[in-house]
């Protein structure tokens, strides 16, 4: 999926590291894209799920429970602890779907309190 050249950054915060610039994990419409690097919003979620992290052969996965009324879960997958998030899904009542920017923001806000 191509994206607008003006979107080659992460609008969720500023770069605080040496190395390649951030590439947001969401399109302007809020859809998740695999072509990302150090998306600041998803990095926050990966930190939130650190205590639930599991791994196999350098592939990592974390699960975050959220949603007071309907007990949803977010699943994130990534290689080692590098900047790219390979997958972001939301599970609700046994239904799995790709996560969106709105989902990620909802989770980050839920854990801010």
N, C-alpha and C. Protein backbone atom coordinates (compact mmCIF):
# COMPACT_ATOMS: atom_id res chain seq x y z
N UNK A 1 0.85 -1.17 0.00
CA UNK A 1 0.00 0.00 0.00
C UNK A 1 0.90 1.24 0.00
N UNK A 2 0.66 2.11 -0.94
CA UNK A 2 1.45 3.34 -0.96
C UNK A 2 0.77 4.38 -0.08
N UNK A 3 1.56 5.32 0.34
CA UNK A 3 0.98 6.39 1.16
C UNK A 3 1.56 7.72 0.71
N UNK A 4 0.87 8.72 1.04
CA UNK A 4 1.26 10.07 0.67
C UNK A 4 2.64 10.38 1.24
N UNK A 5 3.51 10.94 0.43
CA UNK A 5 4.87 11.26 0.85
C UNK A 5 4.88 12.17 2.08
N UNK A 6 3.85 12.97 2.26
CA UNK A 6 3.80 13.87 3.41
C UNK A 6 3.55 13.10 4.71
N UNK A 7 3.28 11.81 4.62
CA UNK A 7 2.96 11.03 5.80
C UNK A 7 4.14 10.16 6.25
N UNK A 8 5.33 10.46 5.79
CA UNK A 8 6.51 9.67 6.16
C UNK A 8 7.06 10.12 7.51
N UNK A 9 6.24 10.16 8.51
CA UNK A 9 6.62 10.49 9.87
C UNK A 9 5.55 9.93 10.78
N UNK A 10 5.76 10.04 12.07
CA UNK A 10 4.72 9.60 13.00
C UNK A 10 4.13 10.83 13.65
N UNK A 11 2.86 11.03 13.47
CA UNK A 11 2.21 12.23 14.01
C UNK A 11 1.89 12.10 15.51
N UNK A 12 2.24 10.98 16.10
CA UNK A 12 1.90 10.74 17.50
C UNK A 12 2.97 11.21 18.48
N UNK A 13 4.01 11.82 18.00
CA UNK A 13 5.04 12.32 18.88
C UNK A 13 6.32 12.63 18.13
N UNK A 14 7.33 13.02 18.87
CA UNK A 14 8.60 13.40 18.27
C UNK A 14 9.64 12.31 18.47
N UNK A 15 10.56 12.24 17.53
CA UNK A 15 11.67 11.29 17.57
C UNK A 15 12.58 11.62 18.75
N UNK A 16 12.92 10.59 19.54
CA UNK A 16 13.78 10.78 20.72
C UNK A 16 14.97 9.83 20.67
N UNK A 17 15.34 9.36 19.49
CA UNK A 17 16.40 8.38 19.35
C UNK A 17 17.30 8.74 18.17
N UNK A 18 18.49 8.14 18.16
CA UNK A 18 19.36 8.23 17.00
C UNK A 18 18.94 7.16 16.01
N UNK A 19 19.13 7.42 14.74
CA UNK A 19 18.78 6.41 13.74
C UNK A 19 17.68 6.89 12.82
N UNK A 20 17.09 5.93 12.12
CA UNK A 20 16.07 6.27 11.12
C UNK A 20 14.88 6.98 11.73
N UNK A 21 14.27 7.84 10.92
CA UNK A 21 13.08 8.57 11.34
C UNK A 21 11.90 7.62 11.50
N UNK A 22 10.94 8.03 12.29
CA UNK A 22 9.72 7.24 12.49
C UNK A 22 8.88 7.26 11.22
N UNK A 23 8.20 6.14 10.97
CA UNK A 23 7.21 6.03 9.91
C UNK A 23 5.96 5.49 10.58
N UNK A 24 4.94 6.29 10.64
CA UNK A 24 3.71 5.93 11.35
C UNK A 24 3.13 4.62 10.83
N UNK A 25 2.50 3.86 11.71
CA UNK A 25 1.91 2.57 11.35
C UNK A 25 0.48 2.70 10.86
N UNK A 26 0.02 3.93 10.66
CA UNK A 26 -1.37 4.12 10.24
C UNK A 26 -1.44 5.07 9.05
N UNK A 27 -2.35 4.77 8.14
CA UNK A 27 -2.60 5.66 7.02
C UNK A 27 -3.36 6.89 7.54
N UNK A 28 -3.55 7.84 6.68
CA UNK A 28 -4.33 9.02 7.06
C UNK A 28 -5.76 8.66 7.43
N UNK A 29 -6.24 7.52 6.91
CA UNK A 29 -7.59 7.05 7.23
C UNK A 29 -7.62 6.20 8.49
N UNK A 30 -6.47 5.97 9.12
CA UNK A 30 -6.42 5.23 10.38
C UNK A 30 -6.25 3.74 10.24
N UNK A 31 -5.98 3.23 9.03
CA UNK A 31 -5.77 1.79 8.83
C UNK A 31 -4.33 1.43 9.15
N UNK A 32 -4.12 0.26 9.77
CA UNK A 32 -2.79 -0.23 10.08
C UNK A 32 -2.06 -0.61 8.80
N UNK A 33 -0.77 -0.26 8.73
CA UNK A 33 0.07 -0.69 7.62
C UNK A 33 1.37 -1.29 8.17
N UNK A 34 1.82 -2.37 7.53
CA UNK A 34 3.02 -3.07 7.98
C UNK A 34 4.29 -2.28 7.71
N UNK A 35 4.25 -1.38 6.75
CA UNK A 35 5.42 -0.58 6.39
C UNK A 35 5.53 0.58 7.39
N UNK A 36 6.03 0.26 8.59
CA UNK A 36 6.13 1.27 9.65
C UNK A 36 7.49 1.14 10.33
N UNK A 37 7.86 2.15 11.08
CA UNK A 37 9.11 2.10 11.83
C UNK A 37 9.00 3.03 13.03
N UNK A 38 9.12 2.48 14.21
CA UNK A 38 9.07 3.26 15.46
C UNK A 38 7.86 4.17 15.54
N UNK A 39 6.70 3.67 15.15
CA UNK A 39 5.46 4.44 15.33
C UNK A 39 5.31 4.70 16.83
N UNK A 40 5.26 5.93 17.19
CA UNK A 40 5.28 6.31 18.60
C UNK A 40 4.06 5.77 19.35
N UNK A 41 2.92 5.77 18.71
CA UNK A 41 1.71 5.24 19.34
C UNK A 41 1.83 3.72 19.59
N UNK A 42 2.26 2.97 18.59
CA UNK A 42 2.39 1.53 18.79
C UNK A 42 3.55 1.19 19.72
N UNK A 43 4.59 2.01 19.73
CA UNK A 43 5.67 1.79 20.71
C UNK A 43 5.13 1.89 22.13
N UNK A 44 4.20 2.83 22.35
CA UNK A 44 3.57 2.95 23.67
C UNK A 44 2.81 1.68 24.03
N UNK A 45 2.09 1.13 23.05
CA UNK A 45 1.32 -0.09 23.32
C UNK A 45 2.26 -1.27 23.58
N UNK A 46 3.35 -1.35 22.85
CA UNK A 46 4.31 -2.42 23.09
C UNK A 46 4.87 -2.32 24.51
N UNK A 47 5.12 -1.11 24.98
CA UNK A 47 5.58 -0.92 26.36
C UNK A 47 4.51 -1.35 27.35
N UNK A 48 3.25 -1.00 27.07
CA UNK A 48 2.15 -1.38 27.96
C UNK A 48 2.05 -2.90 28.10
N UNK A 49 2.30 -3.61 27.02
CA UNK A 49 2.15 -5.06 27.03
C UNK A 49 3.40 -5.83 27.38
N UNK A 50 4.46 -5.12 27.76
CA UNK A 50 5.74 -5.77 28.01
C UNK A 50 5.66 -6.92 29.02
N UNK A 51 4.87 -6.77 30.05
CA UNK A 51 4.79 -7.82 31.08
C UNK A 51 4.06 -9.07 30.57
N UNK A 52 3.34 -8.95 29.46
CA UNK A 52 2.63 -10.09 28.86
C UNK A 52 3.32 -10.64 27.62
N UNK A 53 4.53 -10.22 27.39
CA UNK A 53 5.23 -10.57 26.16
C UNK A 53 5.68 -12.03 26.15
N UNK A 54 5.52 -12.67 25.00
CA UNK A 54 6.04 -14.01 24.76
C UNK A 54 6.84 -13.96 23.46
N UNK A 55 7.74 -14.94 23.29
CA UNK A 55 8.54 -14.93 22.07
C UNK A 55 8.91 -16.34 21.65
N UNK A 56 9.22 -16.45 20.38
CA UNK A 56 9.67 -17.70 19.79
C UNK A 56 10.59 -17.35 18.63
N UNK A 57 11.84 -17.82 18.70
CA UNK A 57 12.80 -17.56 17.62
C UNK A 57 12.88 -16.09 17.24
N UNK A 58 13.00 -15.23 18.21
CA UNK A 58 13.15 -13.78 18.03
C UNK A 58 11.87 -13.05 17.60
N UNK A 59 10.78 -13.77 17.37
CA UNK A 59 9.50 -13.13 17.09
C UNK A 59 8.80 -12.92 18.42
N UNK A 60 8.32 -11.72 18.65
CA UNK A 60 7.67 -11.38 19.92
C UNK A 60 6.19 -11.08 19.69
N UNK A 61 5.43 -11.30 20.74
CA UNK A 61 4.00 -11.01 20.71
C UNK A 61 3.59 -10.55 22.11
N UNK A 62 2.71 -9.58 22.15
CA UNK A 62 2.20 -9.13 23.44
C UNK A 62 0.69 -8.99 23.35
N UNK A 63 0.03 -9.17 24.48
CA UNK A 63 -1.43 -9.06 24.56
C UNK A 63 -1.76 -8.02 25.62
N UNK A 64 -2.69 -7.14 25.28
CA UNK A 64 -3.14 -6.10 26.21
C UNK A 64 -4.65 -6.21 26.35
N UNK A 65 -5.13 -6.40 27.56
CA UNK A 65 -6.56 -6.41 27.81
C UNK A 65 -7.07 -4.98 27.99
N UNK A 66 -8.19 -4.65 27.36
CA UNK A 66 -8.77 -3.32 27.51
C UNK A 66 -10.27 -3.39 27.24
N UNK A 67 -10.97 -2.35 27.56
CA UNK A 67 -12.41 -2.30 27.33
C UNK A 67 -13.19 -2.73 28.56
N UNK A 68 -13.68 -1.76 29.30
CA UNK A 68 -14.37 -2.04 30.55
C UNK A 68 -15.67 -2.82 30.34
N UNK A 69 -16.40 -2.49 29.29
CA UNK A 69 -17.71 -3.11 29.09
C UNK A 69 -17.65 -4.42 28.34
N UNK A 70 -16.70 -4.56 27.40
CA UNK A 70 -16.74 -5.73 26.53
C UNK A 70 -15.46 -6.55 26.48
N UNK A 71 -14.54 -6.32 27.39
CA UNK A 71 -13.34 -7.14 27.54
C UNK A 71 -12.64 -7.45 26.21
N UNK A 72 -12.10 -6.45 25.58
CA UNK A 72 -11.36 -6.64 24.34
C UNK A 72 -9.89 -6.87 24.64
N UNK A 73 -9.19 -7.40 23.65
CA UNK A 73 -7.76 -7.63 23.73
C UNK A 73 -7.09 -7.09 22.48
N UNK A 74 -5.90 -6.54 22.65
CA UNK A 74 -5.08 -6.14 21.51
C UNK A 74 -3.89 -7.08 21.46
N UNK A 75 -3.51 -7.49 20.27
CA UNK A 75 -2.34 -8.33 20.06
C UNK A 75 -1.39 -7.59 19.13
N UNK A 76 -0.14 -7.50 19.52
CA UNK A 76 0.88 -6.88 18.68
C UNK A 76 1.99 -7.90 18.45
N UNK A 77 2.52 -7.95 17.23
CA UNK A 77 3.65 -8.84 16.95
C UNK A 77 4.78 -8.03 16.33
N UNK A 78 6.02 -8.45 16.64
CA UNK A 78 7.19 -7.70 16.17
C UNK A 78 8.43 -8.58 16.30
N UNK A 79 9.45 -8.24 15.53
CA UNK A 79 10.71 -8.97 15.53
C UNK A 79 11.65 -8.35 16.55
N UNK A 80 12.13 -9.18 17.49
CA UNK A 80 12.99 -8.72 18.57
C UNK A 80 12.38 -7.47 19.20
N UNK A 81 13.19 -6.49 19.49
CA UNK A 81 12.66 -5.23 20.02
C UNK A 81 13.05 -4.10 19.08
N UNK A 82 12.96 -4.38 17.82
CA UNK A 82 13.29 -3.37 16.82
C UNK A 82 12.06 -2.52 16.56
N UNK A 83 12.18 -1.57 15.67
CA UNK A 83 11.15 -0.55 15.51
C UNK A 83 9.90 -0.93 14.77
N UNK A 84 9.92 -1.99 13.98
CA UNK A 84 8.76 -2.31 13.16
C UNK A 84 7.77 -3.19 13.92
N UNK A 85 6.50 -2.82 13.85
CA UNK A 85 5.43 -3.66 14.37
C UNK A 85 4.82 -4.39 13.19
N UNK A 86 4.92 -5.73 13.19
CA UNK A 86 4.47 -6.53 12.05
C UNK A 86 2.97 -6.72 11.99
N UNK A 87 2.32 -6.73 13.16
CA UNK A 87 0.89 -6.96 13.18
C UNK A 87 0.23 -6.32 14.39
N UNK A 88 -1.01 -5.89 14.21
CA UNK A 88 -1.80 -5.28 15.28
C UNK A 88 -3.24 -5.72 15.07
N UNK A 89 -3.76 -6.50 16.02
CA UNK A 89 -5.12 -7.02 15.92
C UNK A 89 -5.89 -6.74 17.20
N UNK A 90 -7.20 -6.72 17.06
CA UNK A 90 -8.10 -6.58 18.20
C UNK A 90 -9.02 -7.79 18.21
N UNK A 91 -9.18 -8.38 19.40
CA UNK A 91 -10.05 -9.54 19.59
C UNK A 91 -11.21 -9.09 20.48
N UNK A 92 -12.43 -9.35 20.02
CA UNK A 92 -13.62 -8.99 20.77
C UNK A 92 -14.64 -10.10 20.59
N UNK A 93 -14.99 -10.77 21.67
CA UNK A 93 -15.97 -11.87 21.64
C UNK A 93 -15.60 -12.93 20.61
N UNK A 94 -14.32 -13.27 20.54
CA UNK A 94 -13.87 -14.32 19.63
C UNK A 94 -13.66 -13.89 18.19
N UNK A 95 -13.94 -12.64 17.89
CA UNK A 95 -13.76 -12.13 16.53
C UNK A 95 -12.44 -11.35 16.49
N UNK A 96 -11.59 -11.72 15.53
CA UNK A 96 -10.30 -11.05 15.38
C UNK A 96 -10.35 -10.16 14.15
N UNK A 97 -9.89 -8.93 14.31
CA UNK A 97 -9.82 -7.99 13.18
C UNK A 97 -8.55 -7.17 13.31
N UNK A 98 -8.13 -6.58 12.22
CA UNK A 98 -6.95 -5.74 12.27
C UNK A 98 -7.25 -4.49 13.10
N UNK A 99 -6.30 -4.09 13.91
CA UNK A 99 -6.47 -2.90 14.74
C UNK A 99 -6.38 -1.63 13.91
N UNK A 100 -6.96 -0.58 14.43
CA UNK A 100 -6.95 0.72 13.76
C UNK A 100 -6.27 1.75 14.67
N UNK A 101 -6.03 2.90 14.09
CA UNK A 101 -5.46 3.99 14.88
C UNK A 101 -6.38 4.36 16.04
N UNK A 102 -7.68 4.35 15.80
CA UNK A 102 -8.64 4.66 16.86
C UNK A 102 -8.54 3.64 18.01
N UNK A 103 -8.37 2.36 17.67
CA UNK A 103 -8.18 1.33 18.70
C UNK A 103 -6.93 1.62 19.52
N UNK A 104 -5.83 1.91 18.84
CA UNK A 104 -4.56 2.17 19.52
C UNK A 104 -4.67 3.38 20.45
N UNK A 105 -5.34 4.43 19.98
CA UNK A 105 -5.52 5.62 20.81
C UNK A 105 -6.39 5.31 22.02
N UNK A 106 -7.43 4.52 21.83
CA UNK A 106 -8.32 4.13 22.93
C UNK A 106 -7.55 3.36 24.01
N UNK A 107 -6.69 2.45 23.58
CA UNK A 107 -5.90 1.67 24.53
C UNK A 107 -4.93 2.56 25.28
N UNK A 108 -4.21 3.41 24.55
CA UNK A 108 -3.25 4.32 25.19
C UNK A 108 -3.94 5.21 26.21
N UNK A 109 -5.11 5.72 25.88
CA UNK A 109 -5.87 6.58 26.80
C UNK A 109 -6.35 5.81 28.01
N UNK A 110 -6.78 4.57 27.81
CA UNK A 110 -7.29 3.75 28.91
C UNK A 110 -6.22 3.51 29.97
N UNK A 111 -4.97 3.44 29.54
CA UNK A 111 -3.89 3.16 30.48
C UNK A 111 -3.20 4.42 30.98
N UNK A 112 -3.61 5.57 30.48
CA UNK A 112 -3.05 6.84 30.92
C UNK A 112 -3.54 7.19 32.31
N UNK A 113 -4.75 6.79 32.61
CA UNK A 113 -5.42 7.18 33.86
C UNK A 113 -4.79 6.56 35.07
